[in-house]
């Protein structure tokens, strides 16, 4: 840049431009580097730097002339910007900023940067990955889908694939991105066909579908993760796809993938798959004691986003002989489950028997099942995830009582039950409600190890 003074041939020269810097945003906050992270049909992603926060970011840039070749492409891009602005979830790519540069005729979107690129790139680079890690990735993808599908109306990604799922390899953190093809479902069924053919559910071609198309695509992602093959340009029909699935050596993984690829009426939701026994961190599906029999009724709302509820007739559950309906004042019974890392807590209250089972789901969450039996032995089963870094027993129990229509129950009582279980399951857990009155001083435990030393139970 040259600045002239008083008409004289005097010039003050700025520092020479940095060859590694391609562009700076209008506010001078973001610096685009000459390093391409990825290219799409109408988008190029560059590595960039946020000077204000001192972090590396991804600069997504689209040239408007290219977009305007197809009017629907521009609307897709605006759709991505609108969605990214509104979505806030730990498994959805985080949006920072966006603007249109009229002079350069570009649309620019700043998002978080993923050090290890896409899940496809990461999986191709690291061939030997334990099934535990694959399950962790699957849980995170499903958690993101639960968030998207729980919107009203639901948000359908419609182009979910390993290229659009991003990972920070140093933390094992996985997030869903590239929501430019996502559609907010304005009615009961969507009407347009968009996406990557090899990952698309059959019903997409009928232009009459719902959010379960993302579950099919998720199943194809799982298939790619375990076979290292990009699905599957040579597969022209369902029979050929299932032939690929049958080549998966791990039988439990194969069955799980098959659940995702069945016809839409039989396909499970993201919420249901998230609590599938196969995805639990500890042990195989065969060894896990937890199950939700009966008819499952997904719930909506903040708590309902990560819980399932069912109701069972009296014949499905035998009342524990150690608890009678009149024993409200008795101390809870704590039991360690055989062949499992789980704990069971039983307690009576107001003519109901409560049985809470729990075990670690991963390092950040615990899988819990609460069974409530009334005087007629009618049972309600509530299966939910408890997130250790953000939940408290009282916040979860309050939401449970309100949203699952448990008005006849006391949220503090349920919170005590949850905290008592976590105190025995999670070393160093700090209850949010007082539970000292539930355990005699000479028999209080603070971790599972301490309980084991006392002989497995109270």
Foldseek 3Di string as FASTA:
>chain_A
DWDDDPPDPDTDDDDPDDQQWDDADPVNQKTFGPAWQDDDPFWTWTWMAGNVVGDIWIKIKGAQVSQVVDVVSVVLVVVQVVVLVPDDDQAAWHWDDWDADPVRRMTITITGDAPQAFQLSVCVVPVDDDVLLVLVQLLSVLLQQLVQVQDVPHKAQQADARNQWGARVVVSRIHGHDSSVIDRPPDPFAAAADYDVLQFAPCSVVSGDDNLRVLSSSLQRLLCSQPVDNGDVVDDDPVSVLVSLVPRPPPQNSVLSVLSRPPPVSHDHSLVSSPQQCSFNPDHSVQDPDDDDADWDQFHDPQSSFKIKHKDAQVPDDDDPVDDQVPQVAFWWWFQDPSDLKIWIWHHDDQKIWIKMWDHRDPFKIWIWIWIQHNNNIIMIMIGIDGQVPDALLVNLVCCCPRVVVVVDDSVVRNLVVQQRCQADPAPDDHPDDNCSRDDPVDDGRYVVVCVVVPGID
